[in-house]
């Protein structure tokens, strides 16, 4: 479902004489349906960068990034947008939404985008918000007004509303209390059970041991001169 082969990435510092900084070289990994792979490595090793390459936020300098049969490294923007709508979900560390859109609609949006009837989409959104302990009185408000912890839970609810065949999870349990952490881990286990291919970053050792089937150390993908 997710296949990376010989992926390299560098950044160009345009304000420093266009210096090129290699950050990843020959990254190769495979994630099958129903499998959760945890990314490990020191802070700054490139875990989030690798996720952004898979999601298409960063363009790979070389190699193949195939998700659901689409090579993100070579796909047109419209193909990447379709992939994000139908196949690849991403729960980042920060909620990014249009201001003034009610929380219930923010969570329901991925379902509406694939043609789910509005009442069914909002019912699913309501169920997830309740599971994640977002008070019903807040559902009509924009999540941009919420606390950081509430925004994180809204972001998780949105990421799990539609049953994406592939999921990227960047610190989904960070800063959660025990009850909400257990809910998120149950959502991940449920996604695995239905066959989702998952790549996750978990600094919570107990959480990653609970949901990850194996681990990939992104330090192995460091450019040789920087290794």
N, C-alpha and C. Protein backbone atom coordinates (compact mmCIF):
# COMPACT_ATOMS: atom_id res chain seq x y z
N UNK A 1 0.82 -1.22 0.00
CA UNK A 1 0.00 0.00 0.00
C UNK A 1 0.86 1.27 0.00
N UNK A 2 1.94 1.26 0.83
CA UNK A 2 2.90 2.37 0.83
C UNK A 2 4.28 1.81 0.53
N UNK A 3 4.89 2.29 -0.55
CA UNK A 3 6.19 1.77 -0.98
C UNK A 3 7.13 2.93 -1.30
N UNK A 4 8.24 3.01 -0.60
CA UNK A 4 9.28 3.98 -0.90
C UNK A 4 10.51 3.24 -1.39
N UNK A 5 11.10 3.74 -2.47
CA UNK A 5 12.30 3.11 -3.00
C UNK A 5 13.33 4.17 -3.37
N UNK A 6 14.46 4.12 -2.70
CA UNK A 6 15.61 4.99 -3.00
C UNK A 6 15.23 6.47 -3.02
N UNK A 7 14.47 6.89 -2.01
CA UNK A 7 13.99 8.27 -1.95
C UNK A 7 15.06 9.17 -1.32
N UNK A 8 15.35 10.27 -1.98
CA UNK A 8 16.27 11.27 -1.45
C UNK A 8 15.57 12.62 -1.38
N UNK A 9 16.00 13.44 -0.43
CA UNK A 9 15.42 14.76 -0.26
C UNK A 9 16.50 15.73 0.18
N UNK A 10 16.46 16.94 -0.39
CA UNK A 10 17.37 18.00 0.02
C UNK A 10 16.60 19.31 0.07
N UNK A 11 17.14 20.27 0.78
CA UNK A 11 16.55 21.60 0.84
C UNK A 11 17.55 22.61 0.29
N UNK A 12 17.03 23.59 -0.46
CA UNK A 12 17.86 24.66 -1.01
C UNK A 12 17.66 25.92 -0.19
N UNK A 13 18.74 26.47 0.35
CA UNK A 13 18.68 27.68 1.16
C UNK A 13 18.89 28.88 0.25
N UNK A 14 17.80 29.44 -0.24
CA UNK A 14 17.89 30.52 -1.22
C UNK A 14 18.46 31.80 -0.63
N UNK A 15 18.33 31.97 0.68
CA UNK A 15 18.89 33.18 1.31
C UNK A 15 20.34 32.99 1.75
N UNK A 16 20.91 31.84 1.39
CA UNK A 16 22.32 31.58 1.72
C UNK A 16 23.06 31.07 0.48
N UNK A 17 22.89 31.82 -0.60
CA UNK A 17 23.60 31.50 -1.83
C UNK A 17 23.13 30.23 -2.50
N UNK A 18 21.86 29.86 -2.26
CA UNK A 18 21.27 28.64 -2.85
C UNK A 18 22.05 27.38 -2.46
N UNK A 19 22.55 27.38 -1.23
CA UNK A 19 23.24 26.18 -0.72
C UNK A 19 22.25 25.03 -0.64
N UNK A 20 22.69 23.85 -1.03
CA UNK A 20 21.84 22.65 -1.02
C UNK A 20 22.22 21.79 0.18
N UNK A 21 21.22 21.47 1.01
CA UNK A 21 21.44 20.68 2.22
C UNK A 21 20.75 19.32 2.05
N UNK A 22 21.50 18.24 1.83
CA UNK A 22 20.87 16.92 1.75
C UNK A 22 20.37 16.49 3.13
N UNK A 23 19.15 15.96 3.20
CA UNK A 23 18.60 15.54 4.49
C UNK A 23 18.20 14.06 4.50
N UNK A 24 18.11 13.45 3.33
CA UNK A 24 17.66 12.06 3.26
C UNK A 24 18.22 11.42 2.00
N UNK A 25 18.65 10.17 2.11
CA UNK A 25 19.25 9.50 0.96
C UNK A 25 18.84 8.03 0.95
N UNK A 26 18.37 7.58 -0.20
CA UNK A 26 18.06 6.16 -0.43
C UNK A 26 17.10 5.58 0.60
N UNK A 27 16.09 6.36 0.98
CA UNK A 27 15.08 5.86 1.92
C UNK A 27 14.22 4.81 1.21
N UNK A 28 14.17 3.63 1.78
CA UNK A 28 13.40 2.53 1.21
C UNK A 28 12.62 1.84 2.32
N UNK A 29 11.32 1.74 2.16
CA UNK A 29 10.50 1.01 3.12
C UNK A 29 9.18 0.62 2.47
N UNK A 30 8.53 -0.35 3.08
CA UNK A 30 7.26 -0.86 2.56
C UNK A 30 6.31 -1.10 3.72
N UNK A 31 5.07 -0.67 3.57
CA UNK A 31 4.05 -0.87 4.60
C UNK A 31 2.85 -1.55 3.96
N UNK A 32 2.47 -2.68 4.49
CA UNK A 32 1.37 -3.46 3.93
C UNK A 32 0.04 -3.10 4.59
N UNK A 33 -1.05 -3.50 3.97
CA UNK A 33 -2.38 -3.31 4.54
C UNK A 33 -2.46 -3.99 5.90
N UNK A 34 -3.03 -3.29 6.88
CA UNK A 34 -3.18 -3.85 8.21
C UNK A 34 -1.95 -3.78 9.08
N UNK A 35 -0.93 -3.04 8.63
CA UNK A 35 0.34 -2.96 9.35
C UNK A 35 0.59 -1.53 9.81
N UNK A 36 1.14 -1.40 11.02
CA UNK A 36 1.56 -0.09 11.52
C UNK A 36 3.06 -0.10 11.72
N UNK A 37 3.75 0.78 11.03
CA UNK A 37 5.21 0.90 11.13
C UNK A 37 5.53 2.19 11.88
N UNK A 38 6.31 2.08 12.94
CA UNK A 38 6.71 3.24 13.71
C UNK A 38 8.05 3.77 13.25
N UNK A 39 8.13 5.09 13.04
CA UNK A 39 9.39 5.73 12.68
C UNK A 39 10.13 6.12 13.95
N UNK A 40 11.40 5.76 14.04
CA UNK A 40 12.21 6.11 15.19
C UNK A 40 13.44 6.89 14.72
N UNK A 41 14.18 7.40 15.70
CA UNK A 41 15.35 8.21 15.39
C UNK A 41 15.36 9.45 16.26
N UNK A 42 16.52 10.02 16.45
CA UNK A 42 16.66 11.20 17.30
C UNK A 42 15.88 12.38 16.73
N UNK A 43 15.61 13.36 17.59
CA UNK A 43 14.96 14.58 17.14
C UNK A 43 15.79 15.21 16.03
N UNK A 44 15.14 15.58 14.93
CA UNK A 44 15.85 16.16 13.79
C UNK A 44 16.38 15.14 12.81
N UNK A 45 16.11 13.86 13.06
CA UNK A 45 16.62 12.81 12.16
C UNK A 45 15.87 12.75 10.84
N UNK A 46 14.65 13.31 10.81
CA UNK A 46 13.91 13.35 9.55
C UNK A 46 12.60 12.59 9.54
N UNK A 47 12.06 12.28 10.72
CA UNK A 47 10.80 11.52 10.78
C UNK A 47 9.65 12.30 10.14
N UNK A 48 9.46 13.54 10.58
CA UNK A 48 8.37 14.35 10.03
C UNK A 48 8.64 14.71 8.57
N UNK A 49 9.90 14.91 8.21
CA UNK A 49 10.24 15.18 6.81
C UNK A 49 9.83 14.01 5.93
N UNK A 50 10.11 12.79 6.38
CA UNK A 50 9.73 11.61 5.60
C UNK A 50 8.22 11.55 5.42
N UNK A 51 7.47 11.86 6.47
CA UNK A 51 6.01 11.86 6.35
C UNK A 51 5.54 12.90 5.34
N UNK A 52 6.14 14.06 5.36
CA UNK A 52 5.73 15.12 4.43
C UNK A 52 6.08 14.78 2.99
N UNK A 53 7.15 14.03 2.80
CA UNK A 53 7.47 13.53 1.46
C UNK A 53 6.41 12.54 1.00
N UNK A 54 5.99 11.65 1.88
CA UNK A 54 4.96 10.67 1.52
C UNK A 54 3.64 11.37 1.21
N UNK A 55 3.32 12.41 1.98
CA UNK A 55 2.04 13.11 1.78
C UNK A 55 2.08 14.07 0.59
N UNK A 56 3.27 14.37 0.10
CA UNK A 56 3.39 15.26 -1.04
C UNK A 56 3.57 16.72 -0.67
N UNK A 57 3.74 17.02 0.63
CA UNK A 57 4.04 18.40 1.02
C UNK A 57 5.46 18.78 0.62
N UNK A 58 6.37 17.82 0.66
CA UNK A 58 7.73 18.00 0.17
C UNK A 58 7.93 17.11 -1.05
N UNK A 59 8.59 17.64 -2.05
CA UNK A 59 8.86 16.87 -3.27
C UNK A 59 10.19 16.13 -3.12
N UNK A 60 10.15 14.83 -3.33
CA UNK A 60 11.37 14.03 -3.29
C UNK A 60 12.31 14.45 -4.42
N UNK A 61 13.61 14.50 -4.13
CA UNK A 61 14.59 14.84 -5.15
C UNK A 61 14.79 13.69 -6.13
N UNK A 62 14.62 12.47 -5.63
CA UNK A 62 14.75 11.29 -6.49
C UNK A 62 14.05 10.12 -5.81
N UNK A 63 13.84 9.06 -6.57
CA UNK A 63 13.22 7.87 -6.02
C UNK A 63 11.72 7.83 -6.26
N UNK A 64 11.08 6.81 -5.72
CA UNK A 64 9.65 6.59 -5.90
C UNK A 64 8.94 6.56 -4.55
N UNK A 65 7.79 7.22 -4.50
CA UNK A 65 6.95 7.26 -3.30
C UNK A 65 5.56 6.83 -3.73
N UNK A 66 5.28 5.54 -3.67
CA UNK A 66 4.04 4.99 -4.22
C UNK A 66 3.05 4.71 -3.10
N UNK A 67 1.89 5.33 -3.19
CA UNK A 67 0.81 5.12 -2.22
C UNK A 67 -0.45 4.74 -3.00
N UNK A 68 -0.95 3.55 -2.75
CA UNK A 68 -2.15 3.11 -3.45
C UNK A 68 -2.00 3.14 -4.96
N UNK A 69 -0.80 2.85 -5.45
CA UNK A 69 -0.56 2.82 -6.89
C UNK A 69 -0.19 4.15 -7.51
N UNK A 70 -0.20 5.22 -6.74
CA UNK A 70 0.15 6.56 -7.24
C UNK A 70 1.54 6.93 -6.76
N UNK A 71 2.43 7.30 -7.68
CA UNK A 71 3.77 7.74 -7.31
C UNK A 71 3.72 9.23 -6.98
N UNK A 72 3.69 9.53 -5.69
CA UNK A 72 3.56 10.91 -5.23
C UNK A 72 4.73 11.76 -5.73
N UNK A 73 5.89 11.17 -5.89
CA UNK A 73 7.07 11.92 -6.34
C UNK A 73 6.94 12.43 -7.76
N UNK A 74 6.03 11.83 -8.53
CA UNK A 74 5.89 12.20 -9.94
C UNK A 74 4.47 12.63 -10.31
N UNK A 75 3.56 12.57 -9.37
CA UNK A 75 2.15 12.84 -9.67
C UNK A 75 1.88 14.33 -9.87
N UNK A 76 0.88 14.62 -10.68
CA UNK A 76 0.41 15.99 -10.85
C UNK A 76 -0.35 16.42 -9.59
N UNK A 77 -0.42 17.73 -9.35
CA UNK A 77 -1.12 18.20 -8.15
C UNK A 77 -2.54 17.66 -8.01
N UNK A 78 -3.28 17.57 -9.11
CA UNK A 78 -4.65 17.06 -9.02
C UNK A 78 -4.68 15.60 -8.59
N UNK A 79 -3.66 14.84 -8.99
CA UNK A 79 -3.59 13.44 -8.57
C UNK A 79 -3.30 13.33 -7.08
N UNK A 80 -2.45 14.21 -6.58
CA UNK A 80 -2.14 14.21 -5.15
C UNK A 80 -3.37 14.60 -4.34
N UNK A 81 -4.11 15.59 -4.81
CA UNK A 81 -5.33 15.99 -4.11
C UNK A 81 -6.34 14.85 -4.08
N UNK A 82 -6.47 14.13 -5.19
CA UNK A 82 -7.39 12.99 -5.23
C UNK A 82 -6.92 11.89 -4.28
N UNK A 83 -5.61 11.67 -4.22
CA UNK A 83 -5.06 10.67 -3.31
C UNK A 83 -5.37 11.03 -1.86
N UNK A 84 -5.22 12.29 -1.52
CA UNK A 84 -5.51 12.74 -0.16
C UNK A 84 -7.00 12.64 0.16
N UNK A 85 -7.82 12.81 -0.82
CA UNK A 85 -9.27 12.70 -0.60
C UNK A 85 -9.70 11.25 -0.39
N UNK A 86 -9.18 10.35 -1.22
CA UNK A 86 -9.70 8.98 -1.28
C UNK A 86 -8.86 7.93 -0.56
N UNK A 87 -7.57 8.17 -0.39
CA UNK A 87 -6.67 7.09 0.01
C UNK A 87 -5.80 7.39 1.21
N UNK A 88 -5.21 8.57 1.27
CA UNK A 88 -4.15 8.85 2.25
C UNK A 88 -4.56 9.93 3.24
N UNK A 89 -4.73 9.56 4.49
CA UNK A 89 -5.02 10.51 5.55
C UNK A 89 -3.76 10.90 6.30
N UNK A 90 -3.78 12.08 6.92
CA UNK A 90 -2.59 12.58 7.63
C UNK A 90 -3.05 13.32 8.87
N UNK A 91 -2.70 12.80 10.04
CA UNK A 91 -2.95 13.49 11.29
C UNK A 91 -1.63 14.14 11.71
N UNK A 92 -1.51 15.43 11.45
CA UNK A 92 -0.30 16.16 11.80
C UNK A 92 -0.39 16.61 13.26
N UNK A 93 0.65 17.30 13.72
CA UNK A 93 0.65 17.77 15.11
C UNK A 93 -0.19 19.02 15.29
N UNK A 94 -0.60 19.65 14.20
CA UNK A 94 -1.31 20.91 14.31
C UNK A 94 -2.57 20.88 13.44
N UNK A 95 -3.66 21.41 13.99
CA UNK A 95 -4.92 21.50 13.27
C UNK A 95 -4.91 22.74 12.38
N UNK A 96 -5.15 22.53 11.08
CA UNK A 96 -5.20 23.65 10.14
C UNK A 96 -6.57 23.63 9.47
N UNK A 97 -7.39 24.61 9.80
CA UNK A 97 -8.75 24.66 9.27
C UNK A 97 -9.11 26.09 8.89
N UNK A 98 -10.18 26.21 8.11
CA UNK A 98 -10.70 27.53 7.76
C UNK A 98 -11.40 28.12 8.98
N UNK A 99 -11.05 29.33 9.38
CA UNK A 99 -11.72 29.94 10.55
C UNK A 99 -13.23 30.03 10.35
N UNK A 100 -13.94 29.96 11.44
CA UNK A 100 -15.39 30.12 11.52
C UNK A 100 -16.18 28.89 11.07
N UNK A 101 -15.52 27.84 10.61
CA UNK A 101 -16.23 26.61 10.26
C UNK A 101 -16.47 25.83 11.56
N UNK A 102 -17.73 25.42 11.83
CA UNK A 102 -18.03 24.69 13.07
C UNK A 102 -17.23 23.39 13.17
N UNK A 103 -16.91 23.02 14.39
CA UNK A 103 -16.13 21.81 14.64
C UNK A 103 -16.76 20.57 14.03
N UNK A 104 -18.07 20.44 14.16
CA UNK A 104 -18.75 19.26 13.61
C UNK A 104 -18.51 19.16 12.10
N UNK A 105 -18.55 20.29 11.40
CA UNK A 105 -18.32 20.28 9.96
C UNK A 105 -16.86 20.03 9.61
N UNK A 106 -15.95 20.52 10.45
CA UNK A 106 -14.52 20.26 10.24
C UNK A 106 -14.25 18.76 10.26
N UNK A 107 -14.83 18.06 11.22
CA UNK A 107 -14.61 16.62 11.35
C UNK A 107 -15.34 15.85 10.25
N UNK A 108 -16.51 16.33 9.85
CA UNK A 108 -17.30 15.63 8.83
C UNK A 108 -16.76 15.84 7.42
N UNK A 109 -15.95 16.88 7.21
CA UNK A 109 -15.54 17.26 5.85
C UNK A 109 -14.91 16.14 5.03
N UNK A 110 -14.00 15.32 5.58
CA UNK A 110 -13.44 14.24 4.76
C UNK A 110 -14.49 13.25 4.25
N UNK A 111 -15.53 13.03 5.04
CA UNK A 111 -16.62 12.15 4.60
C UNK A 111 -17.46 12.81 3.52
N UNK A 112 -17.76 14.08 3.70
CA UNK A 112 -18.53 14.81 2.69
C UNK A 112 -17.78 14.85 1.36
N UNK A 113 -16.45 14.95 1.44
CA UNK A 113 -15.63 15.05 0.22
C UNK A 113 -15.71 13.81 -0.64
N UNK A 114 -16.01 12.65 -0.04
CA UNK A 114 -16.11 11.41 -0.81
C UNK A 114 -17.56 11.02 -1.08
N UNK A 115 -18.48 11.95 -0.81
CA UNK A 115 -19.87 11.72 -1.19
C UNK A 115 -20.76 11.09 -0.13
N UNK A 116 -20.30 11.02 1.10
CA UNK A 116 -21.14 10.50 2.18
C UNK A 116 -22.30 11.46 2.43
N UNK A 117 -23.53 10.97 2.55
CA UNK A 117 -24.66 11.86 2.85
C UNK A 117 -24.39 12.69 4.10
N UNK A 118 -24.85 13.94 4.08
CA UNK A 118 -24.50 14.88 5.15
C UNK A 118 -24.92 14.38 6.52
N UNK A 119 -26.10 13.77 6.63
CA UNK A 119 -26.53 13.33 7.96
C UNK A 119 -25.64 12.21 8.49
N UNK A 120 -25.24 11.29 7.61
CA UNK A 120 -24.35 10.21 8.02
C UNK A 120 -22.97 10.75 8.40
N UNK A 121 -22.49 11.70 7.63
CA UNK A 121 -21.17 12.29 7.90
C UNK A 121 -21.16 12.99 9.25
N UNK A 122 -22.21 13.73 9.55
CA UNK A 122 -22.26 14.46 10.81
C UNK A 122 -22.49 13.51 11.99
N UNK A 123 -23.24 12.44 11.77
CA UNK A 123 -23.41 11.43 12.83
C UNK A 123 -22.06 10.79 13.18
N UNK A 124 -21.27 10.47 12.17
CA UNK A 124 -19.95 9.87 12.42
C UNK A 124 -19.05 10.89 13.12
N UNK A 125 -19.11 12.13 12.68
CA UNK A 125 -18.30 13.17 13.31
C UNK A 125 -18.70 13.35 14.77
N UNK A 126 -19.99 13.35 15.04
CA UNK A 126 -20.47 13.51 16.42
C UNK A 126 -20.00 12.36 17.29
N UNK A 127 -20.04 11.15 16.75
CA UNK A 127 -19.60 9.98 17.51
C UNK A 127 -18.13 10.08 17.89
N UNK A 128 -17.30 10.49 16.94
CA UNK A 128 -15.87 10.61 17.21
C UNK A 128 -15.57 11.73 18.20
N UNK A 129 -16.25 12.85 18.05
CA UNK A 129 -16.04 13.95 18.99
C UNK A 129 -16.43 13.55 20.41
N UNK A 130 -17.52 12.79 20.52
CA UNK A 130 -17.94 12.32 21.84
C UNK A 130 -16.93 11.34 22.42
N UNK A 131 -16.44 10.43 21.58
CA UNK A 131 -15.43 9.47 22.04
C UNK A 131 -14.18 10.17 22.56
N UNK A 132 -13.85 11.29 21.94
CA UNK A 132 -12.63 12.02 22.29
C UNK A 132 -12.90 13.15 23.29
N UNK A 133 -14.09 13.10 23.90
CA UNK A 133 -14.43 14.00 25.01
C UNK A 133 -14.40 15.48 24.64
N UNK A 134 -14.87 15.79 23.42
CA UNK A 134 -15.12 17.18 23.05
C UNK A 134 -16.58 17.47 23.37
N UNK A 135 -16.82 18.37 24.30
CA UNK A 135 -18.17 18.64 24.78
C UNK A 135 -19.08 19.08 23.63
N UNK A 136 -20.32 18.58 23.64
CA UNK A 136 -21.26 18.87 22.55
C UNK A 136 -21.50 20.36 22.39
N UNK A 137 -21.43 21.11 23.49
CA UNK A 137 -21.66 22.56 23.40
C UNK A 137 -20.60 23.26 22.53
N UNK A 138 -19.49 22.57 22.26
CA UNK A 138 -18.42 23.16 21.45
C UNK A 138 -18.54 22.82 19.97
N UNK A 139 -19.39 21.89 19.62
CA UNK A 139 -19.42 21.39 18.24
C UNK A 139 -19.82 22.45 17.23
N UNK A 140 -20.59 23.44 17.66
CA UNK A 140 -21.04 24.49 16.73
C UNK A 140 -20.04 25.64 16.63
N UNK A 141 -18.97 25.56 17.42
CA UNK A 141 -17.95 26.61 17.42
C UNK A 141 -16.77 26.21 16.56
N UNK A 142 -16.02 27.20 16.10
CA UNK A 142 -14.80 26.91 15.34
C UNK A 142 -13.73 26.37 16.28
N UNK A 143 -13.02 25.31 15.89
CA UNK A 143 -11.96 24.79 16.75
C UNK A 143 -10.76 25.72 16.87
N UNK A 144 -10.73 26.78 16.05
CA UNK A 144 -9.63 27.74 16.17
C UNK A 144 -9.66 28.45 17.52
N UNK A 145 -10.81 28.40 18.22
CA UNK A 145 -10.94 29.04 19.53
C UNK A 145 -10.61 28.08 20.67
N UNK A 146 -10.31 26.83 20.36
CA UNK A 146 -10.14 25.80 21.39
C UNK A 146 -8.72 25.81 21.98
N UNK A 147 -8.58 25.11 23.09
CA UNK A 147 -7.25 24.89 23.67
C UNK A 147 -6.44 23.97 22.75
N UNK A 148 -5.13 23.92 22.99
CA UNK A 148 -4.28 23.06 22.18
C UNK A 148 -4.67 21.60 22.26
N UNK A 149 -5.02 21.14 23.46
CA UNK A 149 -5.42 19.75 23.62
C UNK A 149 -6.72 19.43 22.91
N UNK A 150 -7.67 20.36 22.96
CA UNK A 150 -8.94 20.17 22.26
C UNK A 150 -8.73 20.16 20.75
N UNK A 151 -7.89 21.06 20.26
CA UNK A 151 -7.60 21.07 18.82
C UNK A 151 -6.96 19.77 18.38
N UNK A 152 -6.07 19.23 19.20
CA UNK A 152 -5.43 17.96 18.86
C UNK A 152 -6.47 16.85 18.72
N UNK A 153 -7.43 16.81 19.63
CA UNK A 153 -8.45 15.77 19.57
C UNK A 153 -9.40 15.96 18.39
N UNK A 154 -9.70 17.21 18.05
CA UNK A 154 -10.50 17.47 16.84
C UNK A 154 -9.73 16.99 15.61
N UNK A 155 -8.44 17.25 15.57
CA UNK A 155 -7.60 16.83 14.46
C UNK A 155 -7.61 15.30 14.31
N UNK A 156 -7.55 14.60 15.44
CA UNK A 156 -7.59 13.14 15.41
C UNK A 156 -8.95 12.66 14.92
N UNK A 157 -10.02 13.27 15.42
CA UNK A 157 -11.36 12.88 14.98
C UNK A 157 -11.50 13.07 13.47
N UNK A 158 -11.02 14.18 12.97
CA UNK A 158 -11.07 14.44 11.52
C UNK A 158 -10.28 13.39 10.75
N UNK A 159 -9.11 13.02 11.27
CA UNK A 159 -8.27 12.05 10.58
C UNK A 159 -8.85 10.66 10.51
N UNK A 160 -9.70 10.31 11.49
CA UNK A 160 -10.28 8.97 11.54
C UNK A 160 -11.74 8.93 11.09
N UNK A 161 -12.29 10.08 10.65
CA UNK A 161 -13.70 10.10 10.24
C UNK A 161 -13.93 9.23 9.01
N UNK A 162 -13.10 9.42 8.01
CA UNK A 162 -13.16 8.59 6.80
C UNK A 162 -12.18 7.44 6.95
N UNK A 163 -12.55 6.28 6.46
CA UNK A 163 -11.69 5.10 6.60
C UNK A 163 -10.65 5.06 5.48
N UNK A 164 -9.62 5.87 5.65
CA UNK A 164 -8.54 5.92 4.65
C UNK A 164 -7.82 4.58 4.57
N UNK A 165 -7.49 4.11 3.38
CA UNK A 165 -6.69 2.89 3.25
C UNK A 165 -5.26 3.04 3.77
N UNK A 166 -4.77 4.28 3.83
CA UNK A 166 -3.42 4.55 4.35
C UNK A 166 -3.47 5.77 5.25
N UNK A 167 -2.70 5.73 6.35
CA UNK A 167 -2.72 6.81 7.32
C UNK A 167 -1.30 7.17 7.76
N UNK A 168 -1.06 8.47 7.90
CA UNK A 168 0.17 8.99 8.49
C UNK A 168 -0.20 9.66 9.80
N UNK A 169 0.46 9.26 10.88
CA UNK A 169 0.13 9.78 12.21
C UNK A 169 1.37 10.38 12.85
N UNK A 170 1.36 11.69 13.05
CA UNK A 170 2.51 12.38 13.63
C UNK A 170 2.19 12.74 15.09
N UNK A 171 2.68 11.95 16.01
CA UNK A 171 2.49 12.14 17.44
C UNK A 171 1.01 12.22 17.84
N UNK A 172 0.20 11.22 17.50
CA UNK A 172 -1.24 11.31 17.79
C UNK A 172 -1.59 11.22 19.26
N UNK A 173 -0.68 10.70 20.11
CA UNK A 173 -0.99 10.58 21.53
C UNK A 173 -0.27 11.61 22.39
N UNK A 174 0.48 12.50 21.78
CA UNK A 174 1.26 13.48 22.54
C UNK A 174 0.33 14.35 23.39
N UNK A 175 0.67 14.49 24.66
CA UNK A 175 -0.02 15.40 25.59
C UNK A 175 -1.45 14.99 25.92
N UNK A 176 -1.88 13.79 25.54
CA UNK A 176 -3.23 13.35 25.87
C UNK A 176 -3.25 12.73 27.26
N UNK A 177 -4.40 12.88 27.95
CA UNK A 177 -4.56 12.19 29.22
C UNK A 177 -4.80 10.71 28.96
N UNK A 178 -4.83 9.93 30.02
CA UNK A 178 -4.90 8.47 29.88
C UNK A 178 -6.15 8.02 29.13
N UNK A 179 -7.29 8.66 29.41
CA UNK A 179 -8.54 8.23 28.78
C UNK A 179 -8.52 8.50 27.28
N UNK A 180 -8.13 9.71 26.89
CA UNK A 180 -8.11 10.04 25.47
C UNK A 180 -7.00 9.28 24.73
N UNK A 181 -5.89 9.05 25.41
CA UNK A 181 -4.82 8.24 24.82
C UNK A 181 -5.33 6.85 24.50
N UNK A 182 -6.07 6.25 25.43
CA UNK A 182 -6.62 4.91 25.19
C UNK A 182 -7.59 4.91 24.02
N UNK A 183 -8.38 5.98 23.90
CA UNK A 183 -9.32 6.09 22.78
C UNK A 183 -8.57 6.14 21.45
N UNK A 184 -7.51 6.94 21.39
CA UNK A 184 -6.74 7.07 20.15
C UNK A 184 -6.08 5.74 19.79
N UNK A 185 -5.52 5.06 20.76
CA UNK A 185 -4.90 3.76 20.48
C UNK A 185 -5.93 2.75 19.99
N UNK A 186 -7.15 2.84 20.52
CA UNK A 186 -8.22 1.95 20.04
C UNK A 186 -8.60 2.29 18.60
N UNK A 187 -8.61 3.58 18.25
CA UNK A 187 -8.90 3.99 16.88
C UNK A 187 -7.83 3.47 15.92
N UNK A 188 -6.58 3.53 16.35
CA UNK A 188 -5.49 3.01 15.51
C UNK A 188 -5.63 1.51 15.34
N UNK A 189 -5.92 0.81 16.43
CA UNK A 189 -6.11 -0.64 16.35
C UNK A 189 -7.27 -1.00 15.42
N UNK A 190 -8.34 -0.20 15.48
CA UNK A 190 -9.48 -0.44 14.60
C UNK A 190 -9.13 -0.21 13.14
N UNK A 191 -8.32 0.82 12.87
CA UNK A 191 -7.90 1.09 11.49
C UNK A 191 -7.04 -0.05 10.96
N UNK A 192 -6.15 -0.56 11.80
CA UNK A 192 -5.34 -1.72 11.40
C UNK A 192 -6.22 -2.92 11.10
N UNK A 193 -7.21 -3.15 11.95
CA UNK A 193 -8.07 -4.32 11.80
C UNK A 193 -8.86 -4.30 10.50
N UNK A 194 -9.20 -3.10 10.02
CA UNK A 194 -9.93 -3.01 8.74
C UNK A 194 -8.99 -2.98 7.54
N UNK A 195 -7.67 -3.01 7.81
CA UNK A 195 -6.71 -3.13 6.72
C UNK A 195 -5.96 -1.89 6.34
N UNK A 196 -6.01 -0.84 7.16
CA UNK A 196 -5.26 0.38 6.84
C UNK A 196 -3.76 0.15 7.00
N UNK A 197 -2.99 0.71 6.08
CA UNK A 197 -1.52 0.75 6.21
C UNK A 197 -1.16 2.04 6.92
N UNK A 198 -0.42 1.96 8.02
CA UNK A 198 -0.18 3.11 8.88
C UNK A 198 1.31 3.31 9.11
N UNK A 199 1.73 4.57 9.00
CA UNK A 199 3.07 4.97 9.43
C UNK A 199 2.89 5.99 10.54
N UNK A 200 3.56 5.78 11.67
CA UNK A 200 3.37 6.66 12.81
C UNK A 200 4.66 7.09 13.47
N UNK A 201 4.61 8.27 14.08
CA UNK A 201 5.67 8.76 14.95
C UNK A 201 5.09 8.78 16.36
N UNK A 202 5.70 8.04 17.26
CA UNK A 202 5.22 7.95 18.64
C UNK A 202 6.41 8.11 19.58
N UNK A 203 6.49 9.22 20.29
CA UNK A 203 7.53 9.34 21.31
C UNK A 203 7.12 8.62 22.59
N UNK A 204 5.83 8.29 22.69
CA UNK A 204 5.30 7.51 23.81
C UNK A 204 5.67 6.04 23.59
N UNK A 205 6.67 5.57 24.33
CA UNK A 205 7.18 4.21 24.13
C UNK A 205 6.10 3.15 24.30
N UNK A 206 5.28 3.29 25.34
CA UNK A 206 4.23 2.29 25.58
C UNK A 206 3.22 2.28 24.44
N UNK A 207 2.89 3.46 23.92
CA UNK A 207 1.92 3.54 22.82
C UNK A 207 2.45 2.86 21.58
N UNK A 208 3.69 3.14 21.22
CA UNK A 208 4.21 2.55 19.99
C UNK A 208 4.39 1.04 20.12
N UNK A 209 4.72 0.58 21.32
CA UNK A 209 4.83 -0.87 21.50
C UNK A 209 3.46 -1.53 21.38
N UNK A 210 2.42 -0.79 21.74
CA UNK A 210 1.07 -1.36 21.69
C UNK A 210 0.53 -1.47 20.27
N UNK A 211 0.82 -0.49 19.41
CA UNK A 211 0.16 -0.47 18.10
C UNK A 211 1.09 -0.76 16.92
N UNK A 212 2.40 -0.62 17.11
CA UNK A 212 3.32 -0.80 15.98
C UNK A 212 3.72 -2.27 15.82
N UNK A 213 3.75 -2.72 14.58
CA UNK A 213 4.18 -4.08 14.28
C UNK A 213 5.69 -4.18 14.12
N UNK A 214 6.31 -3.08 13.68
CA UNK A 214 7.76 -3.03 13.55
C UNK A 214 8.18 -1.57 13.46
N UNK A 215 9.50 -1.36 13.48
CA UNK A 215 10.02 -0.01 13.52
C UNK A 215 11.08 0.20 12.43
N UNK A 216 11.14 1.44 11.95
CA UNK A 216 12.16 1.84 10.98
C UNK A 216 12.89 3.05 11.55
N UNK A 217 14.20 2.95 11.68
CA UNK A 217 15.03 4.04 12.18
C UNK A 217 15.42 4.93 11.00
N UNK A 218 14.86 6.15 10.97
CA UNK A 218 15.12 7.04 9.84
C UNK A 218 16.58 7.51 9.80
N UNK A 219 17.32 7.31 10.89
CA UNK A 219 18.75 7.64 10.86
C UNK A 219 19.48 6.83 9.80
N UNK A 220 18.92 5.68 9.46
CA UNK A 220 19.53 4.85 8.41
C UNK A 220 19.47 5.52 7.04
N UNK A 221 18.60 6.54 6.92
CA UNK A 221 18.43 7.23 5.64
C UNK A 221 19.22 8.54 5.59
N UNK A 222 20.03 8.81 6.61
CA UNK A 222 20.82 10.04 6.61
C UNK A 222 21.82 10.02 5.47
N UNK A 223 22.05 11.18 4.81
CA UNK A 223 23.09 11.23 3.77
C UNK A 223 24.41 10.73 4.32
N UNK A 224 25.14 10.00 3.51
CA UNK A 224 26.34 9.32 4.00
C UNK A 224 27.35 10.28 4.62
N UNK A 225 27.48 11.47 4.05
CA UNK A 225 28.44 12.43 4.60
C UNK A 225 28.03 12.92 5.98
N UNK A 226 26.67 12.83 6.26
CA UNK A 226 26.17 13.32 7.53
C UNK A 226 25.94 12.20 8.52
N UNK A 227 26.12 10.96 8.08
CA UNK A 227 25.82 9.80 8.94
C UNK A 227 26.82 9.69 10.08
